């Protein structure tokens, strides 16, 4: 049984992702990264991504490569770490066991070099085009 199945599949992942974005959006310095992106679309996309991270069939997620999707945002290492901590706290609060949490967060940590911008001195994103 993979983590996706172990923790209740799509309903649980949807609750986790919705809670995650509630926390992210409550912090103006993080919310700016999502200006111009419809929240329902973002949540749906992230549910598919988290499902894949938790062991669901990769074909369920069909997003851009991480570096391409995030390069224009100039995400700072500090903001990446803060968002990762928010996710870890939410997963822990949802009852994820420590070993499973470590597995998921290792996958998240592996994305840092693709997500963090090389020109992220102030961590301010470039404007997004409406999707």
N, C-alpha and C. Protein backbone atom coordinates (compact mmCIF):
# COMPACT_ATOMS: atom_id res chain seq x y z
N UNK A 1 0.84 -1.17 0.00
CA UNK A 1 0.00 0.00 0.00
C UNK A 1 0.89 1.25 0.00
N UNK A 2 0.61 2.18 -0.91
CA UNK A 2 1.40 3.41 -0.95
C UNK A 2 0.80 4.45 0.00
N UNK A 3 1.49 5.58 0.15
CA UNK A 3 1.04 6.61 1.08
C UNK A 3 -0.30 7.21 0.66
N UNK A 4 -0.51 7.33 -0.62
CA UNK A 4 -1.78 7.86 -1.13
C UNK A 4 -2.93 7.00 -0.63
N UNK A 5 -2.81 5.70 -0.76
CA UNK A 5 -3.86 4.78 -0.30
C UNK A 5 -3.93 4.75 1.23
N UNK A 6 -2.78 4.70 1.87
CA UNK A 6 -2.71 4.60 3.33
C UNK A 6 -3.44 5.74 4.02
N UNK A 7 -3.35 6.94 3.46
CA UNK A 7 -3.93 8.12 4.11
C UNK A 7 -5.28 8.55 3.54
N UNK A 8 -5.91 7.69 2.76
CA UNK A 8 -7.29 7.97 2.36
C UNK A 8 -7.51 8.51 0.98
N UNK A 9 -6.48 8.52 0.14
CA UNK A 9 -6.66 8.90 -1.26
C UNK A 9 -7.03 10.35 -1.48
N UNK A 10 -7.75 10.57 -2.55
CA UNK A 10 -8.07 11.92 -3.00
C UNK A 10 -8.79 12.77 -1.95
N UNK A 11 -9.78 12.23 -1.23
CA UNK A 11 -10.45 13.10 -0.23
C UNK A 11 -9.48 13.67 0.81
N UNK A 12 -8.56 12.84 1.29
CA UNK A 12 -7.61 13.32 2.30
C UNK A 12 -6.62 14.29 1.69
N UNK A 13 -6.10 13.96 0.52
CA UNK A 13 -5.13 14.84 -0.13
C UNK A 13 -5.78 16.18 -0.43
N UNK A 14 -7.03 16.18 -0.85
CA UNK A 14 -7.74 17.44 -1.12
C UNK A 14 -7.85 18.30 0.14
N UNK A 15 -8.16 17.68 1.27
CA UNK A 15 -8.24 18.43 2.52
C UNK A 15 -6.88 19.00 2.90
N UNK A 16 -5.84 18.20 2.73
CA UNK A 16 -4.48 18.65 3.05
C UNK A 16 -4.10 19.85 2.19
N UNK A 17 -4.33 19.73 0.90
CA UNK A 17 -3.94 20.80 -0.03
C UNK A 17 -4.76 22.07 0.23
N UNK A 18 -6.04 21.92 0.49
CA UNK A 18 -6.88 23.08 0.78
C UNK A 18 -6.40 23.79 2.05
N UNK A 19 -6.09 23.01 3.07
CA UNK A 19 -5.56 23.58 4.31
C UNK A 19 -4.21 24.25 4.07
N UNK A 20 -3.37 23.61 3.28
CA UNK A 20 -2.06 24.15 2.93
C UNK A 20 -2.19 25.53 2.30
N UNK A 21 -3.04 25.64 1.27
CA UNK A 21 -3.19 26.94 0.62
C UNK A 21 -3.86 27.97 1.53
N UNK A 22 -4.71 27.52 2.44
CA UNK A 22 -5.26 28.45 3.42
C UNK A 22 -4.16 29.09 4.24
N UNK A 23 -3.18 28.29 4.65
CA UNK A 23 -2.05 28.80 5.41
C UNK A 23 -1.14 29.69 4.55
N UNK A 24 -0.86 29.25 3.35
CA UNK A 24 0.01 30.02 2.46
C UNK A 24 -0.63 31.37 2.13
N UNK A 25 -1.92 31.35 1.79
CA UNK A 25 -2.62 32.57 1.41
C UNK A 25 -2.80 33.53 2.60
N UNK A 26 -2.68 33.04 3.81
CA UNK A 26 -2.81 33.92 4.97
C UNK A 26 -1.54 34.74 5.20
N UNK A 27 -0.51 34.46 4.44
CA UNK A 27 0.76 35.17 4.58
C UNK A 27 1.01 35.98 3.30
N UNK A 28 0.79 37.28 3.36
CA UNK A 28 0.89 38.11 2.15
C UNK A 28 2.21 37.95 1.38
N UNK A 29 3.31 37.74 2.10
CA UNK A 29 4.60 37.61 1.43
C UNK A 29 4.70 36.30 0.64
N UNK A 30 3.84 35.34 0.91
CA UNK A 30 3.79 34.10 0.13
C UNK A 30 2.67 34.13 -0.90
N UNK A 31 1.57 34.75 -0.55
CA UNK A 31 0.42 34.82 -1.45
C UNK A 31 0.78 35.51 -2.77
N UNK A 32 1.71 36.45 -2.74
CA UNK A 32 2.05 37.18 -3.97
C UNK A 32 2.55 36.27 -5.08
N UNK A 33 3.09 35.12 -4.72
CA UNK A 33 3.56 34.19 -5.74
C UNK A 33 2.42 33.62 -6.57
N UNK A 34 1.20 33.76 -6.09
CA UNK A 34 0.05 33.16 -6.75
C UNK A 34 -0.90 34.18 -7.36
N UNK A 35 -0.49 35.45 -7.38
CA UNK A 35 -1.32 36.48 -8.00
C UNK A 35 -1.65 36.08 -9.43
N UNK A 36 -2.91 36.20 -9.78
CA UNK A 36 -3.34 35.90 -11.14
C UNK A 36 -3.63 34.44 -11.40
N UNK A 37 -3.46 33.58 -10.40
CA UNK A 37 -3.73 32.16 -10.57
C UNK A 37 -5.02 31.84 -9.81
N UNK A 38 -6.03 31.32 -10.49
CA UNK A 38 -7.27 30.98 -9.80
C UNK A 38 -7.03 29.88 -8.76
N UNK A 39 -7.44 30.14 -7.51
CA UNK A 39 -7.20 29.20 -6.43
C UNK A 39 -7.79 27.81 -6.70
N UNK A 40 -9.01 27.69 -7.20
CA UNK A 40 -9.53 26.34 -7.45
C UNK A 40 -8.67 25.54 -8.44
N UNK A 41 -8.18 26.21 -9.45
CA UNK A 41 -7.31 25.54 -10.43
C UNK A 41 -5.99 25.13 -9.77
N UNK A 42 -5.46 26.00 -8.94
CA UNK A 42 -4.21 25.72 -8.24
C UNK A 42 -4.37 24.53 -7.29
N UNK A 43 -5.46 24.51 -6.56
CA UNK A 43 -5.72 23.40 -5.64
C UNK A 43 -5.86 22.09 -6.40
N UNK A 44 -6.61 22.10 -7.47
CA UNK A 44 -6.80 20.89 -8.27
C UNK A 44 -5.46 20.37 -8.79
N UNK A 45 -4.65 21.26 -9.28
CA UNK A 45 -3.33 20.90 -9.81
C UNK A 45 -2.45 20.33 -8.69
N UNK A 46 -2.46 20.98 -7.53
CA UNK A 46 -1.62 20.55 -6.42
C UNK A 46 -2.10 19.21 -5.84
N UNK A 47 -3.39 18.97 -5.86
CA UNK A 47 -3.91 17.67 -5.39
C UNK A 47 -3.33 16.56 -6.27
N UNK A 48 -3.32 16.77 -7.57
CA UNK A 48 -2.74 15.77 -8.47
C UNK A 48 -1.25 15.59 -8.19
N UNK A 49 -0.54 16.69 -7.96
CA UNK A 49 0.89 16.60 -7.69
C UNK A 49 1.16 15.88 -6.37
N UNK A 50 0.47 16.28 -5.30
CA UNK A 50 0.69 15.62 -4.00
C UNK A 50 0.30 14.15 -4.06
N UNK A 51 -0.73 13.84 -4.82
CA UNK A 51 -1.12 12.44 -4.98
C UNK A 51 0.01 11.64 -5.61
N UNK A 52 0.67 12.23 -6.59
CA UNK A 52 1.80 11.57 -7.23
C UNK A 52 2.95 11.40 -6.23
N UNK A 53 3.25 12.45 -5.47
CA UNK A 53 4.32 12.37 -4.47
C UNK A 53 4.04 11.27 -3.46
N UNK A 54 2.76 11.06 -3.16
CA UNK A 54 2.37 10.06 -2.18
C UNK A 54 2.15 8.67 -2.78
N UNK A 55 2.49 8.50 -4.06
CA UNK A 55 2.48 7.17 -4.64
C UNK A 55 1.41 6.87 -5.66
N UNK A 56 0.54 7.83 -5.94
CA UNK A 56 -0.47 7.63 -6.97
C UNK A 56 0.22 7.55 -8.33
N UNK A 57 -0.40 6.90 -9.27
CA UNK A 57 0.16 6.75 -10.60
C UNK A 57 0.59 8.10 -11.17
N UNK A 58 1.84 8.21 -11.62
CA UNK A 58 2.34 9.49 -12.14
C UNK A 58 1.51 10.10 -13.26
N UNK A 59 0.78 9.29 -14.02
CA UNK A 59 -0.01 9.85 -15.11
C UNK A 59 -1.13 10.77 -14.61
N UNK A 60 -1.43 10.72 -13.30
CA UNK A 60 -2.45 11.60 -12.74
C UNK A 60 -1.97 13.05 -12.70
N UNK A 61 -0.67 13.27 -12.75
CA UNK A 61 -0.10 14.62 -12.72
C UNK A 61 0.55 14.91 -14.05
N UNK A 62 0.19 16.03 -14.65
CA UNK A 62 0.74 16.35 -15.97
C UNK A 62 1.20 17.80 -16.05
N UNK A 63 1.77 18.30 -14.98
CA UNK A 63 2.22 19.68 -14.96
C UNK A 63 3.54 19.88 -15.68
N UNK A 64 3.93 21.14 -15.80
CA UNK A 64 5.23 21.48 -16.39
C UNK A 64 6.35 20.97 -15.49
N UNK A 65 7.54 20.94 -16.06
CA UNK A 65 8.72 20.64 -15.26
C UNK A 65 8.83 21.72 -14.18
N UNK A 66 9.27 21.34 -13.00
CA UNK A 66 9.32 22.26 -11.85
C UNK A 66 10.11 23.53 -12.15
N UNK A 67 11.27 23.38 -12.77
CA UNK A 67 12.07 24.58 -13.02
C UNK A 67 11.35 25.53 -13.97
N UNK A 68 10.75 24.99 -15.00
CA UNK A 68 10.04 25.83 -15.97
C UNK A 68 8.82 26.51 -15.32
N UNK A 69 8.10 25.78 -14.51
CA UNK A 69 6.89 26.32 -13.89
C UNK A 69 7.19 27.42 -12.88
N UNK A 70 8.38 27.39 -12.28
CA UNK A 70 8.68 28.33 -11.20
C UNK A 70 9.74 29.38 -11.54
N UNK A 71 10.39 29.28 -12.68
CA UNK A 71 11.53 30.15 -12.97
C UNK A 71 11.20 31.63 -12.95
N UNK A 72 10.04 32.02 -13.40
CA UNK A 72 9.68 33.44 -13.46
C UNK A 72 9.29 34.02 -12.10
N UNK A 73 9.14 33.16 -11.10
CA UNK A 73 8.65 33.61 -9.81
C UNK A 73 9.74 34.12 -8.87
N UNK A 74 10.98 33.78 -9.14
CA UNK A 74 12.09 34.21 -8.30
C UNK A 74 11.86 33.88 -6.82
N UNK A 75 11.51 32.66 -6.54
CA UNK A 75 11.22 32.22 -5.18
C UNK A 75 12.52 32.15 -4.39
N UNK A 76 12.49 32.74 -3.22
CA UNK A 76 13.68 32.72 -2.37
C UNK A 76 13.80 31.40 -1.62
N UNK A 77 15.00 31.06 -1.21
CA UNK A 77 15.23 29.84 -0.43
C UNK A 77 14.47 29.91 0.89
N UNK A 78 14.41 31.09 1.48
CA UNK A 78 13.68 31.26 2.73
C UNK A 78 12.19 31.01 2.58
N UNK A 79 11.63 31.50 1.48
CA UNK A 79 10.21 31.28 1.23
C UNK A 79 9.94 29.82 0.91
N UNK A 80 10.84 29.18 0.18
CA UNK A 80 10.69 27.75 -0.09
C UNK A 80 10.66 26.98 1.23
N UNK A 81 11.59 27.30 2.11
CA UNK A 81 11.66 26.61 3.41
C UNK A 81 10.40 26.86 4.23
N UNK A 82 9.89 28.07 4.19
CA UNK A 82 8.68 28.39 4.94
C UNK A 82 7.47 27.61 4.42
N UNK A 83 7.34 27.54 3.11
CA UNK A 83 6.24 26.79 2.51
C UNK A 83 6.39 25.30 2.81
N UNK A 84 7.60 24.79 2.77
CA UNK A 84 7.83 23.38 3.10
C UNK A 84 7.45 23.11 4.56
N UNK A 85 7.76 24.05 5.45
CA UNK A 85 7.41 23.88 6.86
C UNK A 85 5.89 23.89 7.06
N UNK A 86 5.21 24.76 6.32
CA UNK A 86 3.74 24.79 6.38
C UNK A 86 3.20 23.42 5.98
N UNK A 87 3.72 22.88 4.88
CA UNK A 87 3.26 21.57 4.42
C UNK A 87 3.54 20.50 5.47
N UNK A 88 4.74 20.50 6.03
CA UNK A 88 5.08 19.50 7.05
C UNK A 88 4.15 19.60 8.25
N UNK A 89 3.85 20.81 8.69
CA UNK A 89 2.96 21.00 9.83
C UNK A 89 1.55 20.48 9.53
N UNK A 90 1.08 20.73 8.32
CA UNK A 90 -0.26 20.28 7.95
C UNK A 90 -0.31 18.76 7.84
N UNK A 91 0.72 18.18 7.25
CA UNK A 91 0.76 16.71 7.14
C UNK A 91 0.82 16.07 8.53
N UNK A 92 1.62 16.65 9.40
CA UNK A 92 1.71 16.15 10.78
C UNK A 92 0.35 16.27 11.47
N UNK A 93 -0.29 17.41 11.30
CA UNK A 93 -1.60 17.64 11.89
C UNK A 93 -2.68 16.72 11.34
N UNK A 94 -2.48 16.25 10.11
CA UNK A 94 -3.44 15.33 9.48
C UNK A 94 -3.19 13.89 9.92
N UNK A 95 -2.17 13.69 10.76
CA UNK A 95 -1.92 12.36 11.29
C UNK A 95 -0.89 11.55 10.54
N UNK A 96 -0.12 12.18 9.68
CA UNK A 96 0.89 11.43 8.95
C UNK A 96 1.98 10.97 9.91
N UNK A 97 2.32 9.71 9.82
CA UNK A 97 3.34 9.12 10.69
C UNK A 97 4.72 9.71 10.36
N UNK A 98 5.60 9.80 11.36
CA UNK A 98 6.91 10.44 11.16
C UNK A 98 7.71 9.88 9.97
N UNK A 99 7.77 8.58 9.80
CA UNK A 99 8.54 8.01 8.69
C UNK A 99 7.94 8.39 7.34
N UNK A 100 6.61 8.43 7.27
CA UNK A 100 5.94 8.82 6.03
C UNK A 100 6.13 10.31 5.76
N UNK A 101 6.07 11.10 6.81
CA UNK A 101 6.31 12.53 6.68
C UNK A 101 7.72 12.78 6.15
N UNK A 102 8.66 12.04 6.67
CA UNK A 102 10.04 12.17 6.21
C UNK A 102 10.17 11.84 4.73
N UNK A 103 9.45 10.84 4.27
CA UNK A 103 9.47 10.44 2.86
C UNK A 103 8.93 11.56 1.98
N UNK A 104 7.79 12.10 2.36
CA UNK A 104 7.17 13.17 1.57
C UNK A 104 8.05 14.42 1.58
N UNK A 105 8.56 14.79 2.74
CA UNK A 105 9.36 16.00 2.82
C UNK A 105 10.70 15.85 2.12
N UNK A 106 11.23 14.64 2.03
CA UNK A 106 12.45 14.41 1.25
C UNK A 106 12.17 14.67 -0.23
N UNK A 107 10.99 14.26 -0.69
CA UNK A 107 10.61 14.54 -2.08
C UNK A 107 10.49 16.04 -2.31
N UNK A 108 9.90 16.74 -1.35
CA UNK A 108 9.76 18.20 -1.45
C UNK A 108 11.15 18.85 -1.46
N UNK A 109 12.01 18.44 -0.57
CA UNK A 109 13.37 19.00 -0.50
C UNK A 109 14.11 18.79 -1.81
N UNK A 110 13.86 17.67 -2.46
CA UNK A 110 14.51 17.39 -3.73
C UNK A 110 14.10 18.34 -4.84
N UNK A 111 13.05 19.10 -4.64
CA UNK A 111 12.58 20.06 -5.64
C UNK A 111 13.16 21.45 -5.47
N UNK A 112 13.84 21.68 -4.35
CA UNK A 112 14.29 23.03 -4.04
C UNK A 112 15.12 23.66 -5.16
N UNK A 113 16.07 22.94 -5.70
CA UNK A 113 16.94 23.54 -6.72
C UNK A 113 16.17 23.91 -7.99
N UNK A 114 15.07 23.22 -8.25
CA UNK A 114 14.26 23.55 -9.42
C UNK A 114 13.29 24.69 -9.15
N UNK A 115 12.90 24.87 -7.89
CA UNK A 115 11.89 25.87 -7.55
C UNK A 115 12.50 27.22 -7.16
N UNK A 116 13.59 27.20 -6.43
CA UNK A 116 14.21 28.44 -5.97
C UNK A 116 14.89 29.14 -7.13
N UNK A 117 14.59 30.44 -7.28
CA UNK A 117 15.15 31.21 -8.38
C UNK A 117 16.57 31.65 -8.11
N UNK A 118 17.35 31.72 -9.16
CA UNK A 118 18.74 32.14 -9.01
C UNK A 118 18.85 33.64 -8.81
N UNK A 119 17.79 34.38 -9.13
CA UNK A 119 17.81 35.84 -8.96
C UNK A 119 16.80 36.25 -7.90
N UNK A 120 16.74 35.49 -6.82
CA UNK A 120 15.70 35.71 -5.82
C UNK A 120 16.16 36.55 -4.63
N UNK A 121 16.95 37.55 -4.89
CA UNK A 121 17.50 38.35 -3.80
C UNK A 121 16.41 38.89 -2.87
N UNK A 122 15.32 39.39 -3.41
CA UNK A 122 14.26 39.93 -2.58
C UNK A 122 13.06 39.00 -2.53
N UNK A 123 13.08 37.92 -3.27
CA UNK A 123 11.99 36.97 -3.25
C UNK A 123 10.70 37.50 -3.85
N UNK A 124 10.78 38.55 -4.68
CA UNK A 124 9.57 39.09 -5.28
C UNK A 124 9.37 38.47 -6.66
N UNK A 125 8.18 37.93 -6.90
CA UNK A 125 7.93 37.28 -8.19
C UNK A 125 7.68 38.28 -9.28
N UNK A 126 7.94 37.86 -10.48
CA UNK A 126 7.50 38.62 -11.63
C UNK A 126 6.01 38.37 -11.78
N UNK A 127 5.28 39.28 -12.38
CA UNK A 127 3.84 39.06 -12.54
C UNK A 127 3.56 37.82 -13.37
N UNK A 128 2.48 37.12 -13.01
CA UNK A 128 2.04 35.96 -13.77
C UNK A 128 1.01 36.41 -14.80
N UNK A 129 1.00 35.73 -15.92
CA UNK A 129 -0.05 35.95 -16.88
C UNK A 129 -1.28 35.19 -16.39
N UNK A 130 -2.46 35.71 -16.62
CA UNK A 130 -3.67 34.98 -16.23
C UNK A 130 -3.73 33.67 -17.00
N UNK A 131 -4.00 32.60 -16.27
CA UNK A 131 -4.06 31.27 -16.89
C UNK A 131 -5.48 30.89 -17.16
